[in-house]
Amino acid sequence: DFGTDYPTSEKRRFPQLATIGLTGLLVTFSDALNEPANRAALAFCAWLETENWPGVEETTTALTSVYVGFDPRGIDHATLRTRLEDALNQQIDTPRPCPAI
């Protein structure tokens, strides 16, 4: 799942979305390396790659985060942010299995 195993203090703050340059968003599941956040990042990236959203050109993980690179000609920043927020909210409400580590 994408967030149900976090300590209570992290549930209130994560996941977070941040703008990276003109064509990227970063989804962060924790500000410290821990297994639940790492598994959430891996699971979310794997899920996002299967979705094939128009305009999304790159997804990659880094410990507790997922970078989402996009082409603004295919999807605008606001729309992508909203779609990511909706997906994260849905995933937290309906957990999916994490990949094995």
C-alpha atoms as a PDB file:
ATOM      1  CA  ASP A   1       0.000   0.000   0.000  1.00  0.00           C
ATOM      2  CA  PHE A   2       1.035   3.616  -0.261  1.00  0.00           C
ATOM      3  CA  GLY A   3       1.039   4.823   3.294  1.00  0.00           C
ATOM      4  CA  THR A   4      -0.794   2.750   5.860  1.00  0.00           C
ATOM      5  CA  ASP A   5       2.292   1.423   7.701  1.00  0.00           C
ATOM      6  CA  TYR A   6       3.762   4.804   8.610  1.00  0.00           C
ATOM      7  CA  PRO A   7       4.159   6.034  12.165  1.00  0.00           C
ATOM      8  CA  THR A   8       1.262   8.293  13.158  1.00  0.00           C
ATOM      9  CA  SER A   9       3.317  11.484  12.811  1.00  0.00           C
ATOM     10  CA  GLU A  10       4.228  10.634   9.206  1.00  0.00           C
ATOM     11  CA  LYS A  11       0.647   9.785   8.227  1.00  0.00           C
ATOM     12  CA  ARG A  12      -0.224  13.442   8.704  1.00  0.00           C
ATOM     13  CA  ARG A  13       2.600  14.755   6.507  1.00  0.00           C
ATOM     14  CA  PHE A  14       3.118  12.142   3.797  1.00  0.00           C
ATOM     15  CA  PRO A  15       2.882  11.465   0.951  1.00  0.00           C
ATOM     16  CA  GLN A  16       3.941  14.900  -0.283  1.00  0.00           C
ATOM     17  CA  LEU A  17       4.099  16.313  -3.803  1.00  0.00           C
ATOM     18  CA  ALA A  18       6.771  18.800  -4.867  1.00  0.00           C
ATOM     19  CA  THR A  19       7.447  20.520  -8.165  1.00  0.00           C
ATOM     20  CA  ILE A  20      10.808  19.644  -9.732  1.00  0.00           C
ATOM     21  CA  GLY A  21      11.715  22.122 -12.448  1.00  0.00           C
ATOM     22  CA  LEU A  22       9.282  22.799 -15.262  1.00  0.00           C
ATOM     23  CA  THR A  23       8.504  19.196 -16.145  1.00  0.00           C
ATOM     24  CA  GLY A  24       8.673  17.107 -13.006  1.00  0.00           C
ATOM     25  CA  LEU A  25       6.888  16.240  -9.799  1.00  0.00           C
ATOM     26  CA  LEU A  26       8.312  14.364  -6.841  1.00  0.00           C
ATOM     27  CA  VAL A  27       6.096  12.150  -4.698  1.00  0.00           C
ATOM     28  CA  THR A  28       7.763  11.646  -1.314  1.00  0.00           C
ATOM     29  CA  PHE A  29       6.605   9.073   1.207  1.00  0.00           C
ATOM     30  CA  SER A  30       8.960   9.962   4.094  1.00  0.00           C
ATOM     31  CA  ASP A  31      11.786  12.322   4.989  1.00  0.00           C
ATOM     32  CA  ALA A  32      13.823   9.410   6.385  1.00  0.00           C
ATOM     33  CA  LEU A  33      14.659   6.039   4.895  1.00  0.00           C
ATOM     34  CA  ASN A  34      12.435   3.323   6.318  1.00  0.00           C
ATOM     35  CA  GLU A  35      11.044   0.122   4.890  1.00  0.00           C
ATOM     36  CA  PRO A  36       7.362   1.135   4.663  1.00  0.00           C
ATOM     37  CA  ALA A  37       8.228   4.343   2.789  1.00  0.00           C
ATOM     38  CA  ASN A  38      10.636   2.543   0.466  1.00  0.00           C
ATOM     39  CA  ARG A  39       8.058  -0.128  -0.287  1.00  0.00           C
ATOM     40  CA  ALA A  40       5.401   2.533  -0.864  1.00  0.00           C
ATOM     41  CA  ALA A  41       7.649   4.350  -3.344  1.00  0.00           C
ATOM     42  CA  LEU A  42       8.408   1.122  -5.213  1.00  0.00           C
ATOM     43  CA  ALA A  43       4.746   0.108  -5.289  1.00  0.00           C
ATOM     44  CA  PHE A  44       3.520   3.528  -6.402  1.00  0.00           C
ATOM     45  CA  CYS A  45       6.116   3.746  -9.175  1.00  0.00           C
ATOM     46  CA  ALA A  46       5.252   0.238 -10.392  1.00  0.00           C
ATOM     47  CA  TRP A  47       1.547   1.085 -10.362  1.00  0.00           C
ATOM     48  CA  LEU A  48       2.074   4.407 -12.137  1.00  0.00           C
ATOM     49  CA  GLU A  49       4.091   2.726 -14.891  1.00  0.00           C
ATOM     50  CA  THR A  50       1.156   0.408 -15.645  1.00  0.00           C
ATOM     51  CA  GLU A  51      -1.258   3.332 -15.983  1.00  0.00           C
ATOM     52  CA  ASN A  52       0.341   4.812 -19.133  1.00  0.00           C
ATOM     53  CA  TRP A  53      -0.960   8.313 -18.459  1.00  0.00           C
ATOM     54  CA  PRO A  54      -0.704  10.591 -21.510  1.00  0.00           C
ATOM     55  CA  GLY A  55       2.165  13.043 -21.127  1.00  0.00           C
ATOM     56  CA  VAL A  56       4.012  11.100 -18.437  1.00  0.00           C
ATOM     57  CA  GLU A  57       7.412  10.331 -19.925  1.00  0.00           C
ATOM     58  CA  GLU A  58       9.462   9.075 -17.001  1.00  0.00           C
ATOM     59  CA  THR A  59       9.027   7.497 -13.603  1.00  0.00           C
ATOM     60  CA  THR A  60      11.843   6.505 -11.307  1.00  0.00           C
ATOM     61  CA  THR A  61      12.294   5.769  -7.620  1.00  0.00           C
ATOM     62  CA  ALA A  62      14.883   7.051  -5.168  1.00  0.00           C
ATOM     63  CA  LEU A  63      14.674   5.447  -1.721  1.00  0.00           C
ATOM     64  CA  THR A  64      11.426   7.000  -0.449  1.00  0.00           C
ATOM     65  CA  SER A  65      10.371   9.067  -3.467  1.00  0.00           C
ATOM     66  CA  VAL A  66       9.059   8.736  -6.991  1.00  0.00           C
ATOM     67  CA  TYR A  67      10.050  11.210  -9.699  1.00  0.00           C
ATOM     68  CA  VAL A  68       7.428  11.766 -12.381  1.00  0.00           C
ATOM     69  CA  GLY A  69       8.707  13.501 -15.504  1.00  0.00           C
ATOM     70  CA  PHE A  70       6.151  14.797 -17.977  1.00  0.00           C
ATOM     71  CA  ASP A  71       5.772  16.579 -21.293  1.00  0.00           C
ATOM     72  CA  PRO A  72       3.661  19.708 -20.736  1.00  0.00           C
ATOM     73  CA  ARG A  73       2.353  19.355 -24.294  1.00  0.00           C
ATOM     74  CA  GLY A  74       0.722  16.074 -23.240  1.00  0.00           C
ATOM     75  CA  ILE A  75      -0.457  16.981 -19.730  1.00  0.00           C
ATOM     76  CA  ASP A  76      -0.291  20.221 -17.807  1.00  0.00           C
ATOM     77  CA  HIS A  77       1.246  20.529 -14.372  1.00  0.00           C
ATOM     78  CA  ALA A  78      -2.025  21.151 -12.514  1.00  0.00           C
ATOM     79  CA  THR A  79      -3.784  18.196 -14.134  1.00  0.00           C
ATOM     80  CA  LEU A  80      -0.908  15.838 -13.368  1.00  0.00           C
ATOM     81  CA  ARG A  81      -0.724  17.031  -9.749  1.00  0.00           C
ATOM     82  CA  THR A  82      -4.462  16.472  -9.329  1.00  0.00           C
ATOM     83  CA  ARG A  83      -4.277  12.999 -10.884  1.00  0.00           C
ATOM     84  CA  LEU A  84      -1.358  12.051  -8.615  1.00  0.00           C
ATOM     85  CA  GLU A  85      -3.152  13.376  -5.529  1.00  0.00           C
ATOM     86  CA  ASP A  86      -6.302  11.463  -6.466  1.00  0.00           C
ATOM     87  CA  ALA A  87      -4.315   8.273  -7.083  1.00  0.00           C
ATOM     88  CA  LEU A  88      -2.488   8.596  -3.765  1.00  0.00           C
ATOM     89  CA  ASN A  89      -5.738   9.191  -1.889  1.00  0.00           C
ATOM     90  CA  GLN A  90      -7.347   6.203  -3.579  1.00  0.00           C
ATOM     91  CA  GLN A  91      -4.341   3.972  -2.883  1.00  0.00           C
ATOM     92  CA  ILE A  92      -4.283   4.898   0.789  1.00  0.00           C
ATOM     93  CA  ASP A  93      -8.003   4.157   1.078  1.00  0.00           C
ATOM     94  CA  THR A  94      -7.713   0.895  -0.890  1.00  0.00           C
ATOM     95  CA  PRO A  95      -4.276  -0.580  -0.146  1.00  0.00           C
ATOM     96  CA  ARG A  96      -2.503  -2.731  -2.729  1.00  0.00           C
ATOM     97  CA  PRO A  97       0.275  -5.179  -1.965  1.00  0.00           C
ATOM     98  CA  CYS A  98       3.819  -3.845  -1.911  1.00  0.00           C
ATOM     99  CA  PRO A  99       6.554  -5.489  -3.925  1.00  0.00           C
ATOM    100  CA  ALA A 100       8.807  -7.861  -2.009  1.00  0.00           C
ATOM    101  CA  ILE A 101      12.173  -6.527  -0.983  1.00  0.00           C
END
